[in-house]
């Protein structure tokens, strides 16, 4: 698989295409993709998601991704690395680092606040204009516009975190990152294993996490795993027993019982409803 590097703090690119299928590749940098026009599929890791105008996708380093274009499309790419983030004030960088580090990497448009979609579109169009002209201080204006887009993306990601506004102490941030990194390894997410890893008493860890997150450690892990399950059903063709094995369920029956308890229908019915709603 091709690995792409970025040899400057940021890079902008516009892609206009009628018939394009990108080869899956990985980046060593962050990439935001804003869809100006068109429809098709975004391919990220094992998922396939429909895209359309005004959707913003965030691709993390090491994510495998590409696109399949179904109708004439225009994509605007903002690529940046860690050195670009470091150009802002320390508090802003710390907040972004926490938000990006603890984002669950679920696929799909990250703009959950619908009023932000036209705002991001206007910023992208402003970047296109600045890139095309030779006005004085063009570089400085573009940098500020990019930081604004990143801030809006971070705001929308923060809305999905268990901490309002993305605030938590470093210890909790490390714990969340560990949970996300080891979600496929249930044994490493047991209270005793977590306590040993973070050198804390099991009883204190549970109390500390609940105070910070408003939910018990097991409730958080269960909710996170359930959301991953929903995405597997909606955006992949994996079989139920394959998903059960991947996400650490005892077996397919255990997965079915858990899912039906929360959704009131079987995983198969959920998958069928989602695909019908998407016109697949």
C-alpha atoms as a PDB file:
ATOM      1  CA  UNK A   1       0.000   0.000   0.000  1.00  0.00           C
ATOM      2  CA  UNK A   2       1.302   3.461  -0.881  1.00  0.00           C
ATOM      3  CA  UNK A   3       2.392   5.688   2.013  1.00  0.00           C
ATOM      4  CA  UNK A   4       2.257   9.445   1.401  1.00  0.00           C
ATOM      5  CA  UNK A   5       4.337  12.068   3.214  1.00  0.00           C
ATOM      6  CA  UNK A   6       3.981  15.817   3.623  1.00  0.00           C
ATOM      7  CA  UNK A   7       7.224  17.798   3.452  1.00  0.00           C
ATOM      8  CA  UNK A   8       5.804  21.158   4.548  1.00  0.00           C
ATOM      9  CA  UNK A   9       3.584  22.324   7.454  1.00  0.00           C
ATOM     10  CA  UNK A  10       0.415  22.404   5.317  1.00  0.00           C
ATOM     11  CA  UNK A  11      -0.792  21.836   1.789  1.00  0.00           C
ATOM     12  CA  UNK A  12      -4.018  22.656  -0.068  1.00  0.00           C
ATOM     13  CA  UNK A  13      -5.347  20.815  -3.094  1.00  0.00           C
ATOM     14  CA  UNK A  14      -8.486  20.877  -5.240  1.00  0.00           C
ATOM     15  CA  UNK A  15      -9.539  17.763  -7.133  1.00  0.00           C
ATOM     16  CA  UNK A  16     -12.257  17.909  -9.808  1.00  0.00           C
ATOM     17  CA  UNK A  17     -13.152  14.587 -11.407  1.00  0.00           C
ATOM     18  CA  UNK A  18     -15.973  12.805 -13.229  1.00  0.00           C
ATOM     19  CA  UNK A  19     -14.787   9.239 -12.861  1.00  0.00           C
ATOM     20  CA  UNK A  20     -12.174   8.494 -10.263  1.00  0.00           C
ATOM     21  CA  UNK A  21     -11.291   5.596  -8.033  1.00  0.00           C
ATOM     22  CA  UNK A  22      -8.465   6.393  -5.658  1.00  0.00           C
ATOM     23  CA  UNK A  23      -6.107   3.617  -4.697  1.00  0.00           C
ATOM     24  CA  UNK A  24      -6.168   2.952  -0.971  1.00  0.00           C
ATOM     25  CA  UNK A  25      -3.213   4.622   0.712  1.00  0.00           C
ATOM     26  CA  UNK A  26      -1.997   5.834   4.079  1.00  0.00           C
ATOM     27  CA  UNK A  27      -0.708   9.244   5.082  1.00  0.00           C
ATOM     28  CA  UNK A  28       1.850  10.266   7.676  1.00  0.00           C
ATOM     29  CA  UNK A  29      -0.121  13.489   8.245  1.00  0.00           C
ATOM     30  CA  UNK A  30      -3.659  14.698   9.004  1.00  0.00           C
ATOM     31  CA  UNK A  31      -5.987  15.325   6.078  1.00  0.00           C
ATOM     32  CA  UNK A  32      -9.368  17.066   6.009  1.00  0.00           C
ATOM     33  CA  UNK A  33     -11.484  16.501   2.908  1.00  0.00           C
ATOM     34  CA  UNK A  34     -14.397  18.837   2.195  1.00  0.00           C
ATOM     35  CA  UNK A  35     -16.839  17.811  -0.532  1.00  0.00           C
ATOM     36  CA  UNK A  36     -17.883  20.820  -2.607  1.00  0.00           C
ATOM     37  CA  UNK A  37     -19.935  18.862  -5.148  1.00  0.00           C
ATOM     38  CA  UNK A  38     -20.706  15.317  -6.232  1.00  0.00           C
ATOM     39  CA  UNK A  39     -21.624  11.936  -4.811  1.00  0.00           C
ATOM     40  CA  UNK A  40     -19.884   8.615  -4.346  1.00  0.00           C
ATOM     41  CA  UNK A  41     -18.233   6.510  -1.672  1.00  0.00           C
ATOM     42  CA  UNK A  42     -15.493   7.283   0.788  1.00  0.00           C
ATOM     43  CA  UNK A  43     -13.402   4.206   1.565  1.00  0.00           C
ATOM     44  CA  UNK A  44     -11.757   4.356   4.980  1.00  0.00           C
ATOM     45  CA  UNK A  45     -10.193   1.359   6.659  1.00  0.00           C
ATOM     46  CA  UNK A  46     -12.865  -1.363   6.277  1.00  0.00           C
ATOM     47  CA  UNK A  47     -15.788   1.023   5.746  1.00  0.00           C
ATOM     48  CA  UNK A  48     -17.633   2.398   2.737  1.00  0.00           C
ATOM     49  CA  UNK A  49     -19.617   5.576   3.306  1.00  0.00           C
ATOM     50  CA  UNK A  50     -21.677   7.648   0.897  1.00  0.00           C
ATOM     51  CA  UNK A  51     -20.467  11.222   0.507  1.00  0.00           C
ATOM     52  CA  UNK A  52     -22.210  14.330  -0.763  1.00  0.00           C
ATOM     53  CA  UNK A  53     -21.854  18.119  -0.798  1.00  0.00           C
ATOM     54  CA  UNK A  54     -20.862  19.926   2.420  1.00  0.00           C
ATOM     55  CA  UNK A  55     -19.482  16.843   4.151  1.00  0.00           C
ATOM     56  CA  UNK A  56     -16.157  17.123   5.958  1.00  0.00           C
ATOM     57  CA  UNK A  57     -14.041  14.025   6.544  1.00  0.00           C
ATOM     58  CA  UNK A  58     -11.040  13.854   8.863  1.00  0.00           C
ATOM     59  CA  UNK A  59      -8.399  11.285   7.959  1.00  0.00           C
ATOM     60  CA  UNK A  60      -5.816  10.445  10.601  1.00  0.00           C
ATOM     61  CA  UNK A  61      -2.234   9.300  10.017  1.00  0.00           C
ATOM     62  CA  UNK A  62      -2.179   5.536   9.310  1.00  0.00           C
ATOM     63  CA  UNK A  63      -5.853   5.441   8.215  1.00  0.00           C
ATOM     64  CA  UNK A  64      -6.285   3.564   4.937  1.00  0.00           C
ATOM     65  CA  UNK A  65      -8.571   5.554   2.632  1.00  0.00           C
ATOM     66  CA  UNK A  66      -9.668   6.444  -0.888  1.00  0.00           C
ATOM     67  CA  UNK A  67     -12.747   7.459  -2.912  1.00  0.00           C
ATOM     68  CA  UNK A  68     -15.056   6.017  -5.556  1.00  0.00           C
ATOM     69  CA  UNK A  69     -16.747   8.774  -7.560  1.00  0.00           C
ATOM     70  CA  UNK A  70     -20.294   8.110  -8.775  1.00  0.00           C
ATOM     71  CA  UNK A  71     -21.123  11.626 -10.070  1.00  0.00           C
ATOM     72  CA  UNK A  72     -18.875  14.580 -11.053  1.00  0.00           C
ATOM     73  CA  UNK A  73     -17.187  15.665  -7.826  1.00  0.00           C
ATOM     74  CA  UNK A  74     -15.021  18.405  -6.381  1.00  0.00           C
ATOM     75  CA  UNK A  75     -12.921  17.703  -3.299  1.00  0.00           C
ATOM     76  CA  UNK A  76     -10.913  20.244  -1.353  1.00  0.00           C
ATOM     77  CA  UNK A  77      -8.027  18.825   0.700  1.00  0.00           C
ATOM     78  CA  UNK A  78      -6.369  20.480   3.688  1.00  0.00           C
ATOM     79  CA  UNK A  79      -3.282  18.516   4.695  1.00  0.00           C
ATOM     80  CA  UNK A  80      -1.255  19.399   7.776  1.00  0.00           C
ATOM     81  CA  UNK A  81       1.195  17.849  10.189  1.00  0.00           C
ATOM     82  CA  UNK A  82       1.983  18.316  13.877  1.00  0.00           C
ATOM     83  CA  UNK A  83       4.394  21.164  13.191  1.00  0.00           C
ATOM     84  CA  UNK A  84       1.535  23.214  11.737  1.00  0.00           C
ATOM     85  CA  UNK A  85      -0.534  22.770  14.909  1.00  0.00           C
ATOM     86  CA  UNK A  86       2.398  23.971  16.989  1.00  0.00           C
ATOM     87  CA  UNK A  87       2.272  27.406  15.345  1.00  0.00           C
ATOM     88  CA  UNK A  88      -0.622  28.483  17.584  1.00  0.00           C
ATOM     89  CA  UNK A  89      -0.726  29.301  21.290  1.00  0.00           C
ATOM     90  CA  UNK A  90       0.009  26.552  23.806  1.00  0.00           C
ATOM     91  CA  UNK A  91      -3.520  26.241  25.260  1.00  0.00           C
ATOM     92  CA  UNK A  92      -5.039  25.913  21.790  1.00  0.00           C
ATOM     93  CA  UNK A  93      -2.511  23.215  20.884  1.00  0.00           C
ATOM     94  CA  UNK A  94      -3.119  21.327  24.138  1.00  0.00           C
ATOM     95  CA  UNK A  95      -6.869  21.312  23.573  1.00  0.00           C
ATOM     96  CA  UNK A  96      -6.509  20.148  19.961  1.00  0.00           C
ATOM     97  CA  UNK A  97      -4.063  17.433  20.999  1.00  0.00           C
ATOM     98  CA  UNK A  98      -6.526  16.098  23.564  1.00  0.00           C
ATOM     99  CA  UNK A  99      -9.469  16.189  21.146  1.00  0.00           C
ATOM    100  CA  UNK A 100      -7.623  14.599  18.229  1.00  0.00           C
ATOM    101  CA  UNK A 101      -5.965  11.997  20.434  1.00  0.00           C
ATOM    102  CA  UNK A 102      -9.252  10.827  21.948  1.00  0.00           C
ATOM    103  CA  UNK A 103     -11.376  10.996  18.828  1.00  0.00           C
ATOM    104  CA  UNK A 104     -12.823   7.537  18.212  1.00  0.00           C
ATOM    105  CA  UNK A 105     -11.823   7.534  14.522  1.00  0.00           C
ATOM    106  CA  UNK A 106     -15.297   6.505  13.478  1.00  0.00           C
ATOM    107  CA  UNK A 107     -15.894   7.133   9.793  1.00  0.00           C
ATOM    108  CA  UNK A 108     -18.307   9.680   8.395  1.00  0.00           C
ATOM    109  CA  UNK A 109     -18.816  13.422   8.258  1.00  0.00           C
ATOM    110  CA  UNK A 110     -17.500  15.013  11.438  1.00  0.00           C
ATOM    111  CA  UNK A 111     -19.764  18.084  11.223  1.00  0.00           C
ATOM    112  CA  UNK A 112     -22.486  17.164  13.707  1.00  0.00           C
ATOM    113  CA  UNK A 113     -23.549  20.794  14.134  1.00  0.00           C
ATOM    114  CA  UNK A 114     -25.499  21.477  10.928  1.00  0.00           C
ATOM    115  CA  UNK A 115     -24.943  25.237  11.113  1.00  0.00           C
ATOM    116  CA  UNK A 116     -21.214  24.606  10.767  1.00  0.00           C
ATOM    117  CA  UNK A 117     -21.577  23.116   7.272  1.00  0.00           C
ATOM    118  CA  UNK A 118     -22.242  26.413   5.441  1.00  0.00           C
ATOM    119  CA  UNK A 119     -19.602  28.062   7.629  1.00  0.00           C
ATOM    120  CA  UNK A 120     -16.937  25.552   6.606  1.00  0.00           C
ATOM    121  CA  UNK A 121     -18.012  25.846   2.965  1.00  0.00           C
ATOM    122  CA  UNK A 122     -17.540  29.613   3.078  1.00  0.00           C
ATOM    123  CA  UNK A 123     -14.080  29.166   4.614  1.00  0.00           C
ATOM    124  CA  UNK A 124     -13.097  26.644   1.940  1.00  0.00           C
ATOM    125  CA  UNK A 125     -14.296  28.982  -0.810  1.00  0.00           C
ATOM    126  CA  UNK A 126     -12.266  31.793   0.802  1.00  0.00           C
ATOM    127  CA  UNK A 127      -9.191  29.543   0.795  1.00  0.00           C
ATOM    128  CA  UNK A 128      -9.715  28.829  -2.900  1.00  0.00           C
ATOM    129  CA  UNK A 129      -9.883  32.549  -3.637  1.00  0.00           C
ATOM    130  CA  UNK A 130      -6.787  33.328  -1.593  1.00  0.00           C
ATOM    131  CA  UNK A 131      -4.885  30.497  -3.234  1.00  0.00           C
ATOM    132  CA  UNK A 132      -5.772  31.858  -6.692  1.00  0.00           C
ATOM    133  CA  UNK A 133      -4.851  35.493  -6.113  1.00  0.00           C
ATOM    134  CA  UNK A 134      -1.561  37.213  -5.410  1.00  0.00           C
ATOM    135  CA  UNK A 135      -2.703  39.620  -2.741  1.00  0.00           C
ATOM    136  CA  UNK A 136      -0.296  40.816  -0.038  1.00  0.00           C
ATOM    137  CA  UNK A 137      -0.167  38.674   3.132  1.00  0.00           C
ATOM    138  CA  UNK A 138      -1.912  35.854   1.300  1.00  0.00           C
ATOM    139  CA  UNK A 139      -0.005  33.182   3.261  1.00  0.00           C
ATOM    140  CA  UNK A 140      -0.946  34.674   6.640  1.00  0.00           C
ATOM    141  CA  UNK A 141      -4.625  34.874   5.674  1.00  0.00           C
ATOM    142  CA  UNK A 142      -4.630  31.252   4.460  1.00  0.00           C
ATOM    143  CA  UNK A 143      -3.016  30.039   7.687  1.00  0.00           C
ATOM    144  CA  UNK A 144      -5.683  31.763   9.787  1.00  0.00           C
ATOM    145  CA  UNK A 145      -8.464  30.334   7.628  1.00  0.00           C
ATOM    146  CA  UNK A 146      -7.022  26.822   7.961  1.00  0.00           C
ATOM    147  CA  UNK A 147      -6.767  27.165  11.738  1.00  0.00           C
ATOM    148  CA  UNK A 148     -10.408  28.262  11.817  1.00  0.00           C
ATOM    149  CA  UNK A 149     -11.481  25.164   9.867  1.00  0.00           C
ATOM    150  CA  UNK A 150      -9.438  22.967  12.218  1.00  0.00           C
ATOM    151  CA  UNK A 151     -11.020  24.668  15.239  1.00  0.00           C
ATOM    152  CA  UNK A 152     -14.530  24.054  13.869  1.00  0.00           C
ATOM    153  CA  UNK A 153     -13.637  20.407  13.229  1.00  0.00           C
ATOM    154  CA  UNK A 154     -12.293  20.105  16.781  1.00  0.00           C
ATOM    155  CA  UNK A 155     -15.462  21.699  18.179  1.00  0.00           C
ATOM    156  CA  UNK A 156     -17.606  19.106  16.429  1.00  0.00           C
ATOM    157  CA  UNK A 157     -15.377  16.261  17.587  1.00  0.00           C
ATOM    158  CA  UNK A 158     -15.523  17.584  21.155  1.00  0.00           C
ATOM    159  CA  UNK A 159     -19.318  17.306  21.083  1.00  0.00           C
ATOM    160  CA  UNK A 160     -18.868  13.545  20.686  1.00  0.00           C
ATOM    161  CA  UNK A 161     -16.441  13.149  23.589  1.00  0.00           C
ATOM    162  CA  UNK A 162     -17.658  12.212  27.076  1.00  0.00           C
ATOM    163  CA  UNK A 163     -16.252  15.490  28.420  1.00  0.00           C
ATOM    164  CA  UNK A 164     -18.079  18.690  27.480  1.00  0.00           C
ATOM    165  CA  UNK A 165     -15.821  20.827  25.343  1.00  0.00           C
ATOM    166  CA  UNK A 166     -13.100  18.186  25.424  1.00  0.00           C
ATOM    167  CA  UNK A 167     -11.889  19.037  28.937  1.00  0.00           C
ATOM    168  CA  UNK A 168     -10.252  16.372  31.091  1.00  0.00           C
ATOM    169  CA  UNK A 169      -7.037  15.965  33.020  1.00  0.00           C
ATOM    170  CA  UNK A 170      -4.063  14.260  31.410  1.00  0.00           C
ATOM    171  CA  UNK A 171      -4.568  11.058  33.388  1.00  0.00           C
ATOM    172  CA  UNK A 172      -8.080  10.589  32.018  1.00  0.00           C
ATOM    173  CA  UNK A 173      -6.905  11.498  28.520  1.00  0.00           C
ATOM    174  CA  UNK A 174      -4.279   8.754  28.719  1.00  0.00           C
ATOM    175  CA  UNK A 175      -6.872   6.290  29.982  1.00  0.00           C
ATOM    176  CA  UNK A 176      -9.273   7.080  27.132  1.00  0.00           C
ATOM    177  CA  UNK A 177      -6.491   6.749  24.584  1.00  0.00           C
ATOM    178  CA  UNK A 178      -5.582   3.355  26.052  1.00  0.00           C
ATOM    179  CA  UNK A 179      -9.210   2.168  25.858  1.00  0.00           C
ATOM    180  CA  UNK A 180      -9.524   3.240  22.220  1.00  0.00           C
ATOM    181  CA  UNK A 181      -6.209   1.634  21.298  1.00  0.00           C
ATOM    182  CA  UNK A 182      -7.076  -1.710  22.943  1.00  0.00           C
ATOM    183  CA  UNK A 183     -10.810  -1.938  22.225  1.00  0.00           C
ATOM    184  CA  UNK A 184     -10.154  -5.190  20.311  1.00  0.00           C
ATOM    185  CA  UNK A 185      -8.423  -6.773  23.331  1.00  0.00           C
ATOM    186  CA  UNK A 186     -11.039  -7.271  26.097  1.00  0.00           C
ATOM    187  CA  UNK A 187      -8.552  -8.759  28.550  1.00  0.00           C
ATOM    188  CA  UNK A 188      -6.563  -5.513  28.542  1.00  0.00           C
ATOM    189  CA  UNK A 189      -9.707  -3.514  29.379  1.00  0.00           C
ATOM    190  CA  UNK A 190     -10.587  -5.333  32.581  1.00  0.00           C
ATOM    191  CA  UNK A 191     -10.432  -3.173  35.710  1.00  0.00           C
ATOM    192  CA  UNK A 192      -7.560  -5.226  37.127  1.00  0.00           C
ATOM    193  CA  UNK A 193      -5.528  -4.967  33.909  1.00  0.00           C
ATOM    194  CA  UNK A 194      -6.166  -1.232  33.579  1.00  0.00           C
ATOM    195  CA  UNK A 195      -5.293  -0.633  37.223  1.00  0.00           C
ATOM    196  CA  UNK A 196      -2.030  -2.528  36.833  1.00  0.00           C
ATOM    197  CA  UNK A 197      -1.127  -0.616  33.672  1.00  0.00           C
ATOM    198  CA  UNK A 198      -1.799   2.802  35.224  1.00  0.00           C
ATOM    199  CA  UNK A 199      -0.485   1.856  38.701  1.00  0.00           C
ATOM    200  CA  UNK A 200      -3.783   2.590  40.430  1.00  0.00           C
ATOM    201  CA  UNK A 201      -5.987   0.683  42.831  1.00  0.00           C
ATOM    202  CA  UNK A 202      -8.932  -0.952  40.971  1.00  0.00           C
ATOM    203  CA  UNK A 203     -11.496   0.601  43.334  1.00  0.00           C
ATOM    204  CA  UNK A 204     -10.012   4.080  42.917  1.00  0.00           C
ATOM    205  CA  UNK A 205      -9.802   3.811  39.131  1.00  0.00           C
ATOM    206  CA  UNK A 206     -13.512   3.051  38.794  1.00  0.00           C
ATOM    207  CA  UNK A 207     -14.454   5.935  41.091  1.00  0.00           C
ATOM    208  CA  UNK A 208     -12.069   8.355  39.358  1.00  0.00           C
ATOM    209  CA  UNK A 209     -13.285   7.501  35.847  1.00  0.00           C
ATOM    210  CA  UNK A 210     -16.971   7.799  36.768  1.00  0.00           C
ATOM    211  CA  UNK A 211     -16.387  11.215  38.324  1.00  0.00           C
ATOM    212  CA  UNK A 212     -14.690  12.451  35.127  1.00  0.00           C
ATOM    213  CA  UNK A 213     -16.903  10.799  32.499  1.00  0.00           C
ATOM    214  CA  UNK A 214     -20.261  10.584  34.242  1.00  0.00           C
ATOM    215  CA  UNK A 215     -20.387   6.873  33.473  1.00  0.00           C
ATOM    216  CA  UNK A 216     -18.664   3.809  34.818  1.00  0.00           C
ATOM    217  CA  UNK A 217     -15.628   2.462  33.018  1.00  0.00           C
ATOM    218  CA  UNK A 218     -17.543  -0.594  31.834  1.00  0.00           C
ATOM    219  CA  UNK A 219     -20.464   1.543  30.645  1.00  0.00           C
ATOM    220  CA  UNK A 220     -18.076   3.677  28.605  1.00  0.00           C
ATOM    221  CA  UNK A 221     -16.317   0.660  27.089  1.00  0.00           C
ATOM    222  CA  UNK A 222     -19.681  -0.954  26.323  1.00  0.00           C
ATOM    223  CA  UNK A 223     -21.033   2.189  24.656  1.00  0.00           C
ATOM    224  CA  UNK A 224     -17.851   2.632  22.623  1.00  0.00           C
ATOM    225  CA  UNK A 225     -17.898  -1.008  21.482  1.00  0.00           C
ATOM    226  CA  UNK A 226     -21.614  -0.735  20.607  1.00  0.00           C
ATOM    227  CA  UNK A 227     -20.972   2.303  18.437  1.00  0.00           C
ATOM    228  CA  UNK A 228     -18.203   0.454  16.613  1.00  0.00           C
ATOM    229  CA  UNK A 229     -20.618  -2.430  16.112  1.00  0.00           C
ATOM    230  CA  UNK A 230     -23.210  -0.078  14.597  1.00  0.00           C
ATOM    231  CA  UNK A 231     -20.644   1.247  12.129  1.00  0.00           C
ATOM    232  CA  UNK A 232     -19.508  -2.261  11.175  1.00  0.00           C
ATOM    233  CA  UNK A 233     -23.125  -3.206  10.420  1.00  0.00           C
ATOM    234  CA  UNK A 234     -23.852  -0.039   8.473  1.00  0.00           C
ATOM    235  CA  UNK A 235     -20.670   0.431   6.503  1.00  0.00           C
ATOM    236  CA  UNK A 236     -19.084  -2.996   5.991  1.00  0.00           C
ATOM    237  CA  UNK A 237     -20.131  -6.388   4.679  1.00  0.00           C
ATOM    238  CA  UNK A 238     -18.524  -8.254   7.575  1.00  0.00           C
ATOM    239  CA  UNK A 239     -20.497 -11.238   8.816  1.00  0.00           C
ATOM    240  CA  UNK A 240     -21.996 -11.081  12.289  1.00  0.00           C
ATOM    241  CA  UNK A 241     -19.682 -13.751  13.687  1.00  0.00           C
ATOM    242  CA  UNK A 242     -16.668 -11.882  12.262  1.00  0.00           C
ATOM    243  CA  UNK A 243     -17.752  -8.662  14.002  1.00  0.00           C
ATOM    244  CA  UNK A 244     -18.336 -10.582  17.247  1.00  0.00           C
ATOM    245  CA  UNK A 245     -14.829 -12.013  17.104  1.00  0.00           C
ATOM    246  CA  UNK A 246     -13.237  -8.666  16.207  1.00  0.00           C
ATOM    247  CA  UNK A 247     -14.967  -6.681  18.983  1.00  0.00           C
ATOM    248  CA  UNK A 248     -14.454  -9.238  21.719  1.00  0.00           C
ATOM    249  CA  UNK A 249     -17.979 -10.637  22.168  1.00  0.00           C
ATOM    250  CA  UNK A 250     -18.111 -14.179  23.509  1.00  0.00           C
ATOM    251  CA  UNK A 251     -19.900 -15.364  20.380  1.00  0.00           C
ATOM    252  CA  UNK A 252     -22.533 -14.316  17.821  1.00  0.00           C
ATOM    253  CA  UNK A 253     -25.372 -14.997  20.270  1.00  0.00           C
ATOM    254  CA  UNK A 254     -23.806 -12.691  22.849  1.00  0.00           C
ATOM    255  CA  UNK A 255     -23.523  -9.941  20.225  1.00  0.00           C
ATOM    256  CA  UNK A 256     -27.147 -10.433  19.148  1.00  0.00           C
ATOM    257  CA  UNK A 257     -28.443 -10.261  22.729  1.00  0.00           C
ATOM    258  CA  UNK A 258     -26.419  -7.141  23.528  1.00  0.00           C
ATOM    259  CA  UNK A 259     -27.448  -5.355  20.368  1.00  0.00           C
ATOM    260  CA  UNK A 260     -31.146  -6.214  20.701  1.00  0.00           C
ATOM    261  CA  UNK A 261     -31.140  -5.032  24.326  1.00  0.00           C
ATOM    262  CA  UNK A 262     -30.045  -1.550  23.219  1.00  0.00           C
ATOM    263  CA  UNK A 263     -31.800  -1.225  19.855  1.00  0.00           C
ATOM    264  CA  UNK A 264     -34.858  -3.465  20.140  1.00  0.00           C
ATOM    265  CA  UNK A 265     -34.032  -5.269  16.900  1.00  0.00           C
ATOM    266  CA  UNK A 266     -31.471  -7.739  15.665  1.00  0.00           C
ATOM    267  CA  UNK A 267     -28.169  -6.696  14.048  1.00  0.00           C
ATOM    268  CA  UNK A 268     -29.367  -8.152  10.739  1.00  0.00           C
ATOM    269  CA  UNK A 269     -32.567  -6.078  10.821  1.00  0.00           C
ATOM    270  CA  UNK A 270     -30.585  -2.971  11.772  1.00  0.00           C
ATOM    271  CA  UNK A 271     -28.210  -3.497   8.839  1.00  0.00           C
ATOM    272  CA  UNK A 272     -31.108  -3.994   6.434  1.00  0.00           C
ATOM    273  CA  UNK A 273     -32.924  -0.839   7.633  1.00  0.00           C
ATOM    274  CA  UNK A 274     -29.785   1.282   7.351  1.00  0.00           C
ATOM    275  CA  UNK A 275     -29.015   0.087   3.844  1.00  0.00           C
ATOM    276  CA  UNK A 276     -32.609   0.640   2.725  1.00  0.00           C
ATOM    277  CA  UNK A 277     -32.509   4.170   4.161  1.00  0.00           C
ATOM    278  CA  UNK A 278     -29.282   4.845   2.278  1.00  0.00           C
ATOM    279  CA  UNK A 279     -30.778   3.458  -0.942  1.00  0.00           C
ATOM    280  CA  UNK A 280     -28.259   0.614  -1.099  1.00  0.00           C
END
